[in-house]
Protein backbone atom coordinates (compact mmCIF):
# COMPACT_ATOMS: atom_id res chain seq x y z
CA MET A 1 119.06 96.08 115.03
CA ALA A 2 122.76 96.76 114.98
CA LYS A 3 125.11 95.79 112.15
CA VAL A 4 128.69 94.73 112.85
CA ILE A 5 130.92 94.37 109.81
CA LEU A 6 133.86 92.10 110.55
CA ASN A 7 137.01 92.28 108.49
CA GLY A 8 139.64 90.94 110.81
CA PRO A 9 138.85 92.84 114.02
CA ALA A 10 135.45 94.57 114.20
CA THR A 11 135.73 97.69 112.02
CA VAL A 12 132.25 99.17 111.69
CA PHE A 13 129.39 99.41 114.17
CA ARG A 14 126.03 100.80 113.03
CA GLY A 15 122.76 100.94 114.93
CA LYS A 16 121.86 100.24 118.53
CA ILE A 17 123.70 97.87 120.85
CA GLY A 18 122.21 97.85 124.33
CA ASN A 19 121.72 101.49 125.31
CA MET A 20 124.36 102.84 122.89
CA ILE A 21 123.66 104.16 119.38
CA PHE A 22 126.45 104.03 116.79
CA ARG A 23 126.12 106.42 113.83
CA GLN A 24 128.56 106.93 110.95
CA MET A 25 128.83 110.52 109.67
CA PRO A 26 129.43 111.44 105.98
CA ASN A 27 133.14 112.04 106.59
CA GLY A 28 133.64 108.56 108.08
CA THR A 29 133.76 109.35 111.80
CA ILE A 30 131.59 107.32 114.12
CA VAL A 31 129.46 109.05 116.74
CA VAL A 32 128.32 107.18 119.84
CA SER A 33 125.41 108.38 121.95
CA SER A 34 123.11 106.91 124.55
CA ALA A 35 119.56 106.07 123.54
CA PRO A 36 116.73 108.12 125.05
CA PRO A 37 114.36 106.23 127.35
CA LYS A 38 111.34 104.74 125.63
CA LEU A 39 108.01 106.41 126.26
CA THR A 40 104.94 104.33 126.93
CA GLY A 41 101.77 104.77 124.88
CA ARG A 42 100.17 106.71 127.74
CA HIS A 43 103.07 109.23 127.83
CA LYS A 44 102.94 109.70 124.05
CA LYS A 45 99.18 110.32 124.14
CA ARG A 46 99.42 112.85 127.01
CA ALA A 47 102.25 114.74 125.29
CA LYS A 48 100.18 114.97 122.11
CA LEU A 49 97.11 116.26 123.99
CA ARG A 50 99.10 119.00 125.80
CA ARG A 51 100.40 120.71 122.63
CA SER A 52 99.35 124.32 122.08
CA THR A 53 98.09 125.63 118.75
CA LYS A 54 101.52 127.17 118.04
CA GLN A 55 103.21 123.83 118.74
CA LYS A 56 100.78 122.04 116.44
CA ALA A 57 101.42 124.63 113.71
CA GLN A 58 105.19 124.16 114.11
CA ASN A 59 104.80 120.38 113.92
CA SER A 60 102.84 120.78 110.68
CA ARG A 61 105.49 123.16 109.31
CA PHE A 62 108.23 120.68 110.20
CA LYS A 63 106.36 117.88 108.39
CA ASP A 64 106.24 120.11 105.30
CA ALA A 65 109.97 120.81 105.70
CA VAL A 66 110.74 117.07 105.85
CA TRP A 67 108.67 116.51 102.70
CA TYR A 68 110.55 119.33 100.92
CA ALA A 69 113.97 118.07 102.10
CA LYS A 70 113.31 114.53 100.87
CA ALA A 71 112.35 115.85 97.44
CA ALA A 72 115.06 118.54 97.25
CA GLN A 73 118.09 116.55 98.40
CA ILE A 74 118.87 115.67 94.78
CA GLN A 75 118.89 119.31 93.64
CA PRO A 76 122.39 120.23 92.39
CA ILE A 77 122.81 123.27 94.67
CA TYR A 78 122.32 121.21 97.85
CA VAL A 79 124.59 118.45 96.55
CA GLU A 80 127.34 120.97 95.70
CA LEU A 81 127.11 122.61 99.13
CA THR A 82 127.63 119.28 100.92
CA ALA A 83 131.12 119.16 99.41
CA LEU A 84 131.88 122.59 100.89
CA ARG A 85 130.40 121.87 104.32
CA PRO A 86 131.77 118.73 105.99
CA MET A 87 129.53 116.66 108.25
CA THR A 88 126.35 117.81 106.46
CA THR A 89 124.02 116.14 104.00
CA ALA A 90 121.91 117.59 101.20
CA TYR A 91 118.84 116.56 103.21
CA SER A 92 119.87 118.56 106.30
CA LEU A 93 120.75 121.61 104.18
CA ALA A 94 117.36 121.49 102.43
CA LEU A 95 115.55 121.01 105.75
CA GLY A 96 117.29 124.02 107.30
CA ASP A 97 116.67 126.10 104.18
CA TYR A 98 112.94 125.40 104.35
CA LEU A 99 112.70 126.34 108.02
CA LYS A 100 114.68 129.62 107.75
CA PRO A 101 113.27 132.41 105.56
CA PRO A 102 115.53 135.03 103.94
CA VAL A 103 116.47 138.22 105.82
CA ILE A 104 116.40 141.75 104.39
CA HIS A 105 119.19 143.66 106.12
CA ARG A 106 118.74 147.10 104.57
CA ILE A 107 117.06 149.11 101.83
CA GLU A 108 118.79 152.20 100.40
CA ARG A 109 117.26 154.78 98.09
CA GLY A 110 119.71 156.28 95.58
CA GLU A 111 119.39 158.79 92.74
CA GLN A 112 118.37 156.35 90.01
CA CYS A 113 118.24 153.04 91.85
CA ILE A 114 117.18 151.24 95.00
CA LEU A 115 119.65 148.87 96.71
CA VAL A 116 118.39 145.94 98.76
CA GLU A 117 120.69 143.76 100.86
CA ALA A 118 119.10 140.34 101.44
CA SER A 119 120.64 137.06 102.56
CA ASP A 120 119.62 133.48 103.31
CA ASN A 121 121.39 130.44 104.75
CA ILE A 122 121.54 128.91 101.22
CA LEU A 123 120.46 131.33 98.46
CA VAL A 124 118.15 134.27 97.78
CA THR A 125 116.54 133.50 94.43
CA ARG A 126 114.79 136.79 93.71
CA VAL A 127 113.99 140.22 95.11
CA GLN A 128 110.97 142.30 94.10
CA VAL A 129 110.65 146.04 94.78
CA THR A 130 107.37 147.96 94.95
CA LEU A 131 107.11 151.78 95.12
CA LEU A 132 104.00 153.24 96.75
CA GLY A 133 102.71 156.80 96.40
CA GLU A 134 101.26 159.15 99.03
CA ASP A 135 97.90 157.35 99.14
CA ASP A 136 99.48 153.86 99.10
CA THR A 137 98.80 153.28 95.42
CA VAL A 138 101.35 151.22 93.51
CA LEU A 139 103.48 153.52 91.35
CA GLU A 140 105.99 150.95 90.18
CA LYS A 141 106.76 147.28 90.74
CA GLY A 142 109.55 145.11 89.37
CA GLU A 143 112.33 142.58 89.86
CA ALA A 144 115.72 143.62 91.23
CA VAL A 145 118.96 142.45 89.63
CA ARG A 146 121.63 140.65 91.66
CA ARG A 147 124.91 142.50 92.12
CA GLU A 148 127.95 141.16 93.96
CA GLY A 149 127.41 139.44 97.28
CA ASP A 150 123.99 139.86 98.85
CA CYS A 151 123.18 143.16 97.09
CA TRP A 152 120.28 143.54 94.68
CA GLU A 153 119.66 146.66 92.57
CA TYR A 154 116.40 147.99 91.13
CA ALA A 155 116.44 150.86 88.62
CA SER A 156 113.44 153.01 89.52
CA GLN A 157 111.72 155.54 87.28
CA ALA A 158 109.28 156.92 89.86
CA LYS A 159 109.85 158.59 93.21
CA GLY A 160 107.59 156.95 95.75
CA LYS A 161 106.93 157.65 99.41
CA THR A 162 107.26 154.03 100.55
CA ILE A 163 109.50 151.21 99.29
CA ILE A 164 108.50 147.59 99.87
CA ALA A 165 111.17 144.93 99.26
CA GLU A 166 110.31 141.22 99.13
CA ALA A 167 112.93 138.44 99.05
CA TRP A 168 112.42 134.74 98.19
CA ASP A 169 114.63 131.69 98.76
CA LEU A 170 114.73 128.24 97.09
CA PRO A 171 111.84 126.63 99.02
CA GLY A 172 109.65 129.68 98.35
CA ASN A 173 109.84 131.40 101.76
CA MET A 174 109.20 135.14 101.42
CA THR A 175 110.24 138.04 103.64
CA GLN A 176 108.93 141.58 103.30
CA SER A 177 110.43 144.85 104.56
CA ARG A 178 109.35 148.52 104.22
CA LEU A 179 111.31 151.75 104.05
């Protein structure tokens, strides 16, 4: 059902009128789009039956993302970012953050430290570094410290053959990379 708010001439349209949908964005602009055609019950049932296992898994993941976004839209970091990004809401930022895991761009081994460059669309919350020996035994494991930008630094005591870096974001998505 559409709402028309009259104050003199018609000033605000919200909802559906005929085949047109009126939507007001956070910055006050009004977007008009045409409504998609309605599907019958038979079409909905056939579309549901034809989904592959990957599609069903993605649908389940998206349901989890919606649940997270509804709960997280009051978190201060998402609310603060909406002021910096016009035409977005805290809900949409949280939804996108859940669906996109962090990315580890590079791992560098230095004399006394290991540098990890990791980024995310919102925030990387922590980075963990693990050093493995010749026979894949764990020599050392610990948390890296954030430096400026997307760089994280881990002061290592041991010299391992393999370095494993793991990065986490706010929703808890984890990415792992080896060097």
